[in-house]
Amino acid sequence: IVLDSIPADTTPPTVTLIGSGTINILSGSTYVDSGATWSDDTDGTGETLTGNYSETGSFQSTGSVNTTQTGTYTIEYLKVDNAGNTGSATRTINVLDTLP
């Protein structure tokens, strides 16, 4: 009798930002985030943001940017693979006022 055992998936997914990890924009301008992608050695790849972070298999972003208020904002992309391993990446957005 030969028993094959499938090793447990313990490798977290890799989350990769599309574009720069730090963005500087002027206050009052429009900001559209360029998103992120994920890849996993077992579950494949994707870039769709759906579900809640706590749900196994979900991929979503958290955070927002208020372009009318100067400051530093972050958007974090979170992926939970089907085995429950988690990966993330964070983008920093600096809203600046450079007018005298």
PDB file of N, CA and C in Angstrom:
ATOM      1  N   ILE A   1       0.857  -1.173   0.000  1.00  0.00           N
ATOM      2  CA  ILE A   1       0.000   0.000   0.000  1.00  0.00           C
ATOM      3  C   ILE A   1       0.899   1.229   0.000  1.00  0.00           C
ATOM      4  N   VAL A   2       0.634   2.127  -0.939  1.00  0.00           N
ATOM      5  CA  VAL A   2       1.363   3.379  -1.035  1.00  0.00           C
ATOM      6  C   VAL A   2       0.423   4.510  -0.658  1.00  0.00           C
ATOM      7  N   LEU A   3       0.825   5.267   0.318  1.00  0.00           N
ATOM      8  CA  LEU A   3       0.018   6.410   0.734  1.00  0.00           C
ATOM      9  C   LEU A   3       0.767   7.680   0.374  1.00  0.00           C
ATOM     10  N   ASP A   4       0.143   8.493  -0.418  1.00  0.00           N
ATOM     11  CA  ASP A   4       0.722   9.792  -0.757  1.00  0.00           C
ATOM     12  C   ASP A   4       0.095  10.834   0.160  1.00  0.00           C
ATOM     13  N   SER A   5       0.938  11.594   0.780  1.00  0.00           N
ATOM     14  CA  SER A   5       0.402  12.675   1.593  1.00  0.00           C
ATOM     15  C   SER A   5       0.740  13.999   0.922  1.00  0.00           C
ATOM     16  N   ILE A   6      -0.222  14.858   0.882  1.00  0.00           N
ATOM     17  CA  ILE A   6      -0.039  16.180   0.296  1.00  0.00           C
ATOM     18  C   ILE A   6       0.438  17.101   1.412  1.00  0.00           C
ATOM     19  N   PRO A   7       1.601  17.722   1.211  1.00  0.00           N
ATOM     20  CA  PRO A   7       2.088  18.611   2.274  1.00  0.00           C
ATOM     21  C   PRO A   7       1.151  19.811   2.464  1.00  0.00           C
ATOM     22  N   ALA A   8       1.070  20.256   3.690  1.00  0.00           N
ATOM     23  CA  ALA A   8       0.216  21.403   4.003  1.00  0.00           C
ATOM     24  C   ALA A   8       0.753  22.662   3.335  1.00  0.00           C
ATOM     25  N   ASP A   9      -0.160  23.510   2.896  1.00  0.00           N
ATOM     26  CA  ASP A   9       0.206  24.802   2.305  1.00  0.00           C
ATOM     27  C   ASP A   9       0.493  25.773   3.443  1.00  0.00           C
ATOM     28  N   THR A  10       1.766  26.087   3.637  1.00  0.00           N
ATOM     29  CA  THR A  10       2.148  27.013   4.707  1.00  0.00           C
ATOM     30  C   THR A  10       2.785  28.292   4.169  1.00  0.00           C
ATOM     31  N   THR A  11       2.814  28.435   2.845  1.00  0.00           N
ATOM     32  CA  THR A  11       3.439  29.599   2.217  1.00  0.00           C
ATOM     33  C   THR A  11       2.398  30.687   1.989  1.00  0.00           C
ATOM     34  N   PRO A  12       2.621  31.885   2.529  1.00  0.00           N
ATOM     35  CA  PRO A  12       1.647  32.964   2.311  1.00  0.00           C
ATOM     36  C   PRO A  12       1.699  33.471   0.876  1.00  0.00           C
ATOM     37  N   PRO A  13       0.610  34.025   0.397  1.00  0.00           N
ATOM     38  CA  PRO A  13       0.608  34.627  -0.935  1.00  0.00           C
ATOM     39  C   PRO A  13       1.494  35.871  -0.966  1.00  0.00           C
ATOM     40  N   THR A  14       1.976  36.192  -2.157  1.00  0.00           N
ATOM     41  CA  THR A  14       2.755  37.406  -2.366  1.00  0.00           C
ATOM     42  C   THR A  14       1.836  38.465  -2.940  1.00  0.00           C
ATOM     43  N   VAL A  15       1.795  39.625  -2.308  1.00  0.00           N
ATOM     44  CA  VAL A  15       0.993  40.750  -2.788  1.00  0.00           C
ATOM     45  C   VAL A  15       1.958  41.800  -3.326  1.00  0.00           C
ATOM     46  N   THR A  16       1.724  42.222  -4.583  1.00  0.00           N
ATOM     47  CA  THR A  16       2.618  43.160  -5.254  1.00  0.00           C
ATOM     48  C   THR A  16       1.833  44.392  -5.693  1.00  0.00           C
ATOM     49  N   LEU A  17       2.304  45.555  -5.284  1.00  0.00           N
ATOM     50  CA  LEU A  17       1.658  46.800  -5.696  1.00  0.00           C
ATOM     51  C   LEU A  17       1.856  47.036  -7.186  1.00  0.00           C
ATOM     52  N   ILE A  18       0.840  47.567  -7.842  1.00  0.00           N
ATOM     53  CA  ILE A  18       0.979  48.045  -9.215  1.00  0.00           C
ATOM     54  C   ILE A  18       1.381  49.513  -9.093  1.00  0.00           C
ATOM     55  N   GLY A  19       2.557  49.857  -9.568  1.00  0.00           N
ATOM     56  CA  GLY A  19       3.050  51.223  -9.427  1.00  0.00           C
ATOM     57  C   GLY A  19       3.889  51.379  -8.176  1.00  0.00           C
ATOM     58  N   SER A  20       4.133  52.615  -7.819  1.00  0.00           N
ATOM     59  CA  SER A  20       5.028  52.956  -6.724  1.00  0.00           C
ATOM     60  C   SER A  20       4.415  52.675  -5.355  1.00  0.00           C
ATOM     61  N   GLY A  21       5.277  52.409  -4.382  1.00  0.00           N
ATOM     62  CA  GLY A  21       4.839  52.201  -3.006  1.00  0.00           C
ATOM     63  C   GLY A  21       4.583  53.500  -2.269  1.00  0.00           C
ATOM     64  N   THR A  22       5.124  54.606  -2.785  1.00  0.00           N
ATOM     65  CA  THR A  22       4.891  55.929  -2.199  1.00  0.00           C
ATOM     66  C   THR A  22       4.482  56.885  -3.309  1.00  0.00           C
ATOM     67  N   ILE A  23       3.378  57.576  -3.105  1.00  0.00           N
ATOM     68  CA  ILE A  23       2.839  58.518  -4.086  1.00  0.00           C
ATOM     69  C   ILE A  23       2.705  59.883  -3.415  1.00  0.00           C
ATOM     70  N   ASN A  24       3.152  60.945  -4.083  1.00  0.00           N
ATOM     71  CA  ASN A  24       2.944  62.320  -3.634  1.00  0.00           C
ATOM     72  C   ASN A  24       1.977  62.997  -4.595  1.00  0.00           C
ATOM     73  N   ILE A  25       0.902  63.580  -4.053  1.00  0.00           N
ATOM     74  CA  ILE A  25      -0.062  64.296  -4.879  1.00  0.00           C
ATOM     75  C   ILE A  25      -0.374  65.635  -4.223  1.00  0.00           C
ATOM     76  N   LEU A  26      -0.843  66.573  -5.033  1.00  0.00           N
ATOM     77  CA  LEU A  26      -1.222  67.890  -4.525  1.00  0.00           C
ATOM     78  C   LEU A  26      -2.630  67.859  -3.942  1.00  0.00           C
ATOM     79  N   SER A  27      -2.810  68.579  -2.856  1.00  0.00           N
ATOM     80  CA  SER A  27      -4.117  68.697  -2.240  1.00  0.00           C
ATOM     81  C   SER A  27      -5.124  69.217  -3.269  1.00  0.00           C
ATOM     82  N   GLY A  28      -6.296  68.624  -3.286  1.00  0.00           N
ATOM     83  CA  GLY A  28      -7.345  69.033  -4.208  1.00  0.00           C
ATOM     84  C   GLY A  28      -7.329  68.297  -5.529  1.00  0.00           C
ATOM     85  N   SER A  29      -6.277  67.536  -5.805  1.00  0.00           N
ATOM     86  CA  SER A  29      -6.238  66.784  -7.059  1.00  0.00           C
ATOM     87  C   SER A  29      -6.987  65.465  -6.891  1.00  0.00           C
ATOM     88  N   THR A  30      -7.186  64.780  -7.973  1.00  0.00           N
ATOM     89  CA  THR A  30      -7.880  63.498  -7.955  1.00  0.00           C
ATOM     90  C   THR A  30      -6.864  62.377  -7.797  1.00  0.00           C
ATOM     91  N   TYR A  31      -7.164  61.425  -6.922  1.00  0.00           N
ATOM     92  CA  TYR A  31      -6.290  60.267  -6.750  1.00  0.00           C
ATOM     93  C   TYR A  31      -7.058  59.002  -7.070  1.00  0.00           C
ATOM     94  N   VAL A  32      -6.515  58.197  -7.970  1.00  0.00           N
ATOM     95  CA  VAL A  32      -7.072  56.886  -8.285  1.00  0.00           C
ATOM     96  C   VAL A  32      -5.959  55.882  -8.042  1.00  0.00           C
ATOM     97  N   ASP A  33      -6.169  54.973  -7.117  1.00  0.00           N
ATOM     98  CA  ASP A  33      -5.141  53.993  -6.797  1.00  0.00           C
ATOM     99  C   ASP A  33      -5.003  52.988  -7.931  1.00  0.00           C
ATOM    100  N   SER A  34      -3.764  52.590  -8.204  1.00  0.00           N
ATOM    101  CA  SER A  34      -3.500  51.673  -9.315  1.00  0.00           C
ATOM    102  C   SER A  34      -3.653  50.212  -8.945  1.00  0.00           C
ATOM    103  N   GLY A  35      -3.875  49.903  -7.677  1.00  0.00           N
ATOM    104  CA  GLY A  35      -4.194  48.542  -7.270  1.00  0.00           C
ATOM    105  C   GLY A  35      -2.990  47.669  -6.979  1.00  0.00           C
ATOM    106  N   ALA A  36      -3.259  46.372  -6.899  1.00  0.00           N
ATOM    107  CA  ALA A  36      -2.228  45.392  -6.593  1.00  0.00           C
ATOM    108  C   ALA A  36      -2.630  44.042  -7.176  1.00  0.00           C
ATOM    109  N   THR A  37      -1.658  43.161  -7.248  1.00  0.00           N
ATOM    110  CA  THR A  37      -1.909  41.786  -7.691  1.00  0.00           C
ATOM    111  C   THR A  37      -1.437  40.834  -6.599  1.00  0.00           C
ATOM    112  N   TRP A  38      -1.854  39.598  -6.675  1.00  0.00           N
ATOM    113  CA  TRP A  38      -1.382  38.583  -5.742  1.00  0.00           C
ATOM    114  C   TRP A  38      -1.031  37.319  -6.510  1.00  0.00           C
ATOM    115  N   SER A  39      -0.100  36.561  -5.954  1.00  0.00           N
ATOM    116  CA  SER A  39       0.219  35.241  -6.495  1.00  0.00           C
ATOM    117  C   SER A  39       0.450  34.296  -5.325  1.00  0.00           C
ATOM    118  N   ASP A  40       0.074  33.052  -5.534  1.00  0.00           N
ATOM    119  CA  ASP A  40       0.197  32.046  -4.495  1.00  0.00           C
ATOM    120  C   ASP A  40       0.654  30.744  -5.137  1.00  0.00           C
ATOM    121  N   ASP A  41       1.567  30.047  -4.479  1.00  0.00           N
ATOM    122  CA  ASP A  41       2.128  28.825  -5.057  1.00  0.00           C
ATOM    123  C   ASP A  41       1.094  27.712  -5.210  1.00  0.00           C
ATOM    124  N   THR A  42      -0.032  27.817  -4.526  1.00  0.00           N
ATOM    125  CA  THR A  42      -1.075  26.800  -4.618  1.00  0.00           C
ATOM    126  C   THR A  42      -2.334  27.323  -5.304  1.00  0.00           C
ATOM    127  N   ASP A  43      -2.723  28.565  -5.007  1.00  0.00           N
ATOM    128  CA  ASP A  43      -4.010  29.092  -5.459  1.00  0.00           C
ATOM    129  C   ASP A  43      -3.967  29.906  -6.743  1.00  0.00           C
ATOM    130  N   GLY A  44      -2.785  30.136  -7.320  1.00  0.00           N
ATOM    131  CA  GLY A  44      -2.705  30.871  -8.573  1.00  0.00           C
ATOM    132  C   GLY A  44      -2.441  32.349  -8.372  1.00  0.00           C
ATOM    133  N   THR A  45      -3.066  33.185  -9.230  1.00  0.00           N
ATOM    134  CA  THR A  45      -2.845  34.628  -9.199  1.00  0.00           C
ATOM    135  C   THR A  45      -4.164  35.370  -9.385  1.00  0.00           C
ATOM    136  N   GLY A  46      -4.139  36.670  -9.100  1.00  0.00           N
ATOM    137  CA  GLY A  46      -5.332  37.477  -9.310  1.00  0.00           C
ATOM    138  C   GLY A  46      -5.111  38.917  -8.949  1.00  0.00           C
ATOM    139  N   GLU A  47      -6.129  39.724  -9.226  1.00  0.00           N
ATOM    140  CA  GLU A  47      -6.101  41.120  -8.832  1.00  0.00           C
ATOM    141  C   GLU A  47      -7.483  41.657  -8.513  1.00  0.00           C
ATOM    142  N   THR A  48      -8.467  40.796  -8.392  1.00  0.00           N
ATOM    143  CA  THR A  48      -9.817  41.226  -8.073  1.00  0.00           C
ATOM    144  C   THR A  48      -9.949  41.461  -6.579  1.00  0.00           C
ATOM    145  N   LEU A  49     -10.515  42.572  -6.206  1.00  0.00           N
ATOM    146  CA  LEU A  49     -10.701  42.894  -4.794  1.00  0.00           C
ATOM    147  C   LEU A  49     -12.121  42.545  -4.391  1.00  0.00           C
ATOM    148  N   THR A  50     -12.278  41.410  -3.689  1.00  0.00           N
ATOM    149  CA  THR A  50     -13.609  40.978  -3.267  1.00  0.00           C
ATOM    150  C   THR A  50     -13.551  40.403  -1.866  1.00  0.00           C
ATOM    151  N   GLY A  51     -14.692  40.350  -1.239  1.00  0.00           N
ATOM    152  CA  GLY A  51     -14.801  39.681   0.047  1.00  0.00           C
ATOM    153  C   GLY A  51     -14.283  40.492   1.214  1.00  0.00           C
ATOM    154  N   ASN A  52     -14.330  39.868   2.361  1.00  0.00           N
ATOM    155  CA  ASN A  52     -13.803  40.452   3.585  1.00  0.00           C
ATOM    156  C   ASN A  52     -12.459  39.824   3.873  1.00  0.00           C
ATOM    157  N   TYR A  53     -11.568  40.568   4.479  1.00  0.00           N
ATOM    158  CA  TYR A  53     -10.226  40.068   4.732  1.00  0.00           C
ATOM    159  C   TYR A  53     -10.242  38.778   5.545  1.00  0.00           C
ATOM    160  N   SER A  54     -11.176  38.630   6.441  1.00  0.00           N
ATOM    161  CA  SER A  54     -11.217  37.449   7.292  1.00  0.00           C
ATOM    162  C   SER A  54     -11.677  36.200   6.541  1.00  0.00           C
ATOM    163  N   GLU A  55     -12.267  36.368   5.370  1.00  0.00           N
ATOM    164  CA  GLU A  55     -12.742  35.224   4.603  1.00  0.00           C
ATOM    165  C   GLU A  55     -11.574  34.550   3.892  1.00  0.00           C
ATOM    166  N   THR A  56     -11.476  33.242   4.037  1.00  0.00           N
ATOM    167  CA  THR A  56     -10.450  32.488   3.336  1.00  0.00           C
ATOM    168  C   THR A  56     -10.638  32.668   1.837  1.00  0.00           C
ATOM    169  N   GLY A  57      -9.546  32.947   1.118  1.00  0.00           N
ATOM    170  CA  GLY A  57      -9.596  33.148  -0.317  1.00  0.00           C
ATOM    171  C   GLY A  57      -9.872  34.574  -0.741  1.00  0.00           C
ATOM    172  N   SER A  58     -10.039  35.498   0.210  1.00  0.00           N
ATOM    173  CA  SER A  58     -10.387  36.869  -0.158  1.00  0.00           C
ATOM    174  C   SER A  58      -9.151  37.701  -0.486  1.00  0.00           C
ATOM    175  N   PHE A  59      -9.379  38.793  -1.210  1.00  0.00           N
ATOM    176  CA  PHE A  59      -8.341  39.776  -1.534  1.00  0.00           C
ATOM    177  C   PHE A  59      -9.015  41.127  -1.520  1.00  0.00           C
ATOM    178  N   GLN A  60      -8.559  42.019  -0.674  1.00  0.00           N
ATOM    179  CA  GLN A  60      -9.211  43.326  -0.579  1.00  0.00           C
ATOM    180  C   GLN A  60      -8.214  44.385  -0.184  1.00  0.00           C
ATOM    181  N   SER A  61      -8.662  45.632  -0.262  1.00  0.00           N
ATOM    182  CA  SER A  61      -7.831  46.739   0.194  1.00  0.00           C
ATOM    183  C   SER A  61      -8.541  47.446   1.333  1.00  0.00           C
ATOM    184  N   THR A  62      -7.739  48.042   2.222  1.00  0.00           N
ATOM    185  CA  THR A  62      -8.291  48.832   3.308  1.00  0.00           C
ATOM    186  C   THR A  62      -7.637  50.207   3.272  1.00  0.00           C
ATOM    187  N   GLY A  63      -8.326  51.201   3.745  1.00  0.00           N
ATOM    188  CA  GLY A  63      -7.793  52.558   3.767  1.00  0.00           C
ATOM    189  C   GLY A  63      -8.421  53.424   2.694  1.00  0.00           C
ATOM    190  N   SER A  64      -8.254  54.725   2.846  1.00  0.00           N
ATOM    191  CA  SER A  64      -8.771  55.674   1.865  1.00  0.00           C
ATOM    192  C   SER A  64      -7.898  56.914   1.868  1.00  0.00           C
ATOM    193  N   VAL A  65      -8.088  57.749   0.856  1.00  0.00           N
ATOM    194  CA  VAL A  65      -7.302  58.980   0.709  1.00  0.00           C
ATOM    195  C   VAL A  65      -8.268  60.153   0.595  1.00  0.00           C
ATOM    196  N   ASN A  66      -8.075  61.164   1.439  1.00  0.00           N
ATOM    197  CA  ASN A  66      -8.862  62.387   1.369  1.00  0.00           C
ATOM    198  C   ASN A  66      -7.969  63.453   0.735  1.00  0.00           C
ATOM    199  N   THR A  67      -8.177  63.722  -0.539  1.00  0.00           N
ATOM    200  CA  THR A  67      -7.309  64.660  -1.257  1.00  0.00           C
ATOM    201  C   THR A  67      -7.581  66.116  -0.907  1.00  0.00           C
ATOM    202  N   THR A  68      -8.616  66.377  -0.111  1.00  0.00           N
ATOM    203  CA  THR A  68      -8.869  67.758   0.313  1.00  0.00           C
ATOM    204  C   THR A  68      -8.172  68.082   1.632  1.00  0.00           C
ATOM    205  N   GLN A  69      -7.568  67.085   2.243  1.00  0.00           N
ATOM    206  CA  GLN A  69      -6.902  67.263   3.530  1.00  0.00           C
ATOM    207  C   GLN A  69      -5.451  66.795   3.426  1.00  0.00           C
ATOM    208  N   THR A  70      -4.502  67.714   3.660  1.00  0.00           N
ATOM    209  CA  THR A  70      -3.100  67.303   3.597  1.00  0.00           C
ATOM    210  C   THR A  70      -2.816  66.270   4.686  1.00  0.00           C
ATOM    211  N   GLY A  71      -1.876  65.401   4.379  1.00  0.00           N
ATOM    212  CA  GLY A  71      -1.501  64.372   5.345  1.00  0.00           C
ATOM    213  C   GLY A  71      -0.977  63.139   4.647  1.00  0.00           C
ATOM    214  N   THR A  72      -0.703  62.126   5.425  1.00  0.00           N
ATOM    215  CA  THR A  72      -0.203  60.855   4.914  1.00  0.00           C
ATOM    216  C   THR A  72      -1.280  59.800   5.106  1.00  0.00           C
ATOM    217  N   TYR A  73      -1.583  59.085   4.033  1.00  0.00           N
ATOM    218  CA  TYR A  73      -2.616  58.059   4.031  1.00  0.00           C
ATOM    219  C   TYR A  73      -1.990  56.744   3.584  1.00  0.00           C
ATOM    220  N   THR A  74      -2.577  55.643   4.015  1.00  0.00           N
ATOM    221  CA  THR A  74      -2.086  54.339   3.575  1.00  0.00           C
ATOM    222  C   THR A  74      -3.239  53.498   3.048  1.00  0.00           C
ATOM    223  N   ILE A  75      -2.921  52.715   2.047  1.00  0.00           N
ATOM    224  CA  ILE A  75      -3.844  51.715   1.535  1.00  0.00           C
ATOM    225  C   ILE A  75      -3.111  50.382   1.640  1.00  0.00           C
ATOM    226  N   GLU A  76      -3.728  49.432   2.338  1.00  0.00           N
ATOM    227  CA  GLU A  76      -3.122  48.116   2.497  1.00  0.00           C
ATOM    228  C   GLU A  76      -3.924  47.102   1.704  1.00  0.00           C
ATOM    229  N   TYR A  77      -3.222  46.307   0.921  1.00  0.00           N
ATOM    230  CA  TYR A  77      -3.825  45.214   0.177  1.00  0.00           C
ATOM    231  C   TYR A  77      -3.573  43.934   0.943  1.00  0.00           C
ATOM    232  N   LEU A  78      -4.622  43.161   1.162  1.00  0.00           N
ATOM    233  CA  LEU A  78      -4.565  41.971   2.004  1.00  0.00           C
ATOM    234  C   LEU A  78      -5.087  40.764   1.238  1.00  0.00           C
ATOM    235  N   LYS A  79      -4.358  39.653   1.299  1.00  0.00           N
ATOM    236  CA  LYS A  79      -4.799  38.417   0.657  1.00  0.00           C
ATOM    237  C   LYS A  79      -4.713  37.270   1.644  1.00  0.00           C
ATOM    238  N   VAL A  80      -5.800  36.507   1.758  1.00  0.00           N
ATOM    239  CA  VAL A  80      -5.821  35.270   2.528  1.00  0.00           C
ATOM    240  C   VAL A  80      -5.989  34.134   1.513  1.00  0.00           C
ATOM    241  N   ASP A  81      -5.044  33.181   1.482  1.00  0.00           N
ATOM    242  CA  ASP A  81      -5.192  32.085   0.526  1.00  0.00           C
ATOM    243  C   ASP A  81      -6.155  31.030   1.074  1.00  0.00           C
ATOM    244  N   ASN A  82      -6.423  30.015   0.274  1.00  0.00           N
ATOM    245  CA  ASN A  82      -7.410  29.006   0.658  1.00  0.00           C
ATOM    246  C   ASN A  82      -6.989  28.172   1.861  1.00  0.00           C
ATOM    247  N   ALA A  83      -5.707  28.201   2.221  1.00  0.00           N
ATOM    248  CA  ALA A  83      -5.235  27.494   3.411  1.00  0.00           C
ATOM    249  C   ALA A  83      -5.226  28.391   4.645  1.00  0.00           C
ATOM    250  N   GLY A  84      -5.588  29.671   4.477  1.00  0.00           N
ATOM    251  CA  GLY A  84      -5.631  30.601   5.594  1.00  0.00           C
ATOM    252  C   GLY A  84      -4.347  31.383   5.811  1.00  0.00           C
ATOM    253  N   ASN A  85      -3.356  31.241   4.921  1.00  0.00           N
ATOM    254  CA  ASN A  85      -2.121  32.021   5.017  1.00  0.00           C
ATOM    255  C   ASN A  85      -2.394  33.441   4.528  1.00  0.00           C
ATOM    256  N   THR A  86      -1.741  34.435   5.131  1.00  0.00           N
ATOM    257  CA  THR A  86      -2.001  35.824   4.762  1.00  0.00           C
ATOM    258  C   THR A  86      -0.761  36.517   4.215  1.00  0.00           C
ATOM    259  N   GLY A  87      -0.980  37.411   3.265  1.00  0.00           N
ATOM    260  CA  GLY A  87       0.061  38.268   2.711  1.00  0.00           C
ATOM    261  C   GLY A  87      -0.493  39.663   2.541  1.00  0.00           C
ATOM    262  N   SER A  88       0.384  40.672   2.531  1.00  0.00           N
ATOM    263  CA  SER A  88      -0.094  42.045   2.379  1.00  0.00           C
ATOM    264  C   SER A  88       0.988  42.931   1.775  1.00  0.00           C
ATOM    265  N   ALA A  89       0.561  44.082   1.287  1.00  0.00           N
ATOM    266  CA  ALA A  89       1.456  45.130   0.791  1.00  0.00           C
ATOM    267  C   ALA A  89       0.774  46.460   1.083  1.00  0.00           C
ATOM    268  N   THR A  90       1.576  47.491   1.351  1.00  0.00           N
ATOM    269  CA  THR A  90       1.031  48.793   1.729  1.00  0.00           C
ATOM    270  C   THR A  90       1.581  49.898   0.836  1.00  0.00           C
ATOM    271  N   ARG A  91       0.687  50.785   0.404  1.00  0.00           N
ATOM    272  CA  ARG A  91       1.070  51.971  -0.353  1.00  0.00           C
ATOM    273  C   ARG A  91       0.852  53.201   0.532  1.00  0.00           C
ATOM    274  N   THR A  92       1.796  54.134   0.494  1.00  0.00           N
ATOM    275  CA  THR A  92       1.692  55.393   1.231  1.00  0.00           C
ATOM    276  C   THR A  92       1.398  56.513   0.244  1.00  0.00           C
ATOM    277  N   ILE A  93       0.380  57.314   0.550  1.00  0.00           N
ATOM    278  CA  ILE A  93       0.008  58.447  -0.296  1.00  0.00           C
ATOM    279  C   ILE A  93       0.147  59.712   0.548  1.00  0.00           C
ATOM    280  N   ASN A  94       1.018  60.617   0.092  1.00  0.00           N
ATOM    281  CA  ASN A  94       1.220  61.897   0.764  1.00  0.00           C
ATOM    282  C   ASN A  94       0.449  62.975   0.004  1.00  0.00           C
ATOM    283  N   VAL A  95      -0.521  63.584   0.679  1.00  0.00           N
ATOM    284  CA  VAL A  95      -1.281  64.693   0.089  1.00  0.00           C
ATOM    285  C   VAL A  95      -0.600  65.986   0.550  1.00  0.00           C
ATOM    286  N   LEU A  96      -0.070  66.731  -0.399  1.00  0.00           N
ATOM    287  CA  LEU A  96       0.770  67.891  -0.099  1.00  0.00           C
ATOM    288  C   LEU A  96       0.112  69.186  -0.536  1.00  0.00           C
ATOM    289  N   ASP A  97       0.421  70.252   0.187  1.00  0.00           N
ATOM    290  CA  ASP A  97       0.019  71.599  -0.213  1.00  0.00           C
ATOM    291  C   ASP A  97       1.291  72.376  -0.457  1.00  0.00           C
ATOM    292  N   THR A  98       1.608  72.609  -1.720  1.00  0.00           N
ATOM    293  CA  THR A  98       2.848  73.308  -2.063  1.00  0.00           C
ATOM    294  C   THR A  98       2.607  74.757  -2.452  1.00  0.00           C
ATOM    295  N   LEU A  99       1.366  75.220  -2.331  1.00  0.00           N
ATOM    296  CA  LEU A  99       1.064  76.613  -2.685  1.00  0.00           C
ATOM    297  C   LEU A  99       1.472  77.548  -1.555  1.00  0.00           C
ATOM    298  N   PRO A 100       1.977  78.726  -1.886  1.00  0.00           N
ATOM    299  CA  PRO A 100       2.372  79.670  -0.820  1.00  0.00           C
ATOM    300  C   PRO A 100       1.185  80.195  -0.053  1.00  0.00           C
TER     301      PRO A 100
END
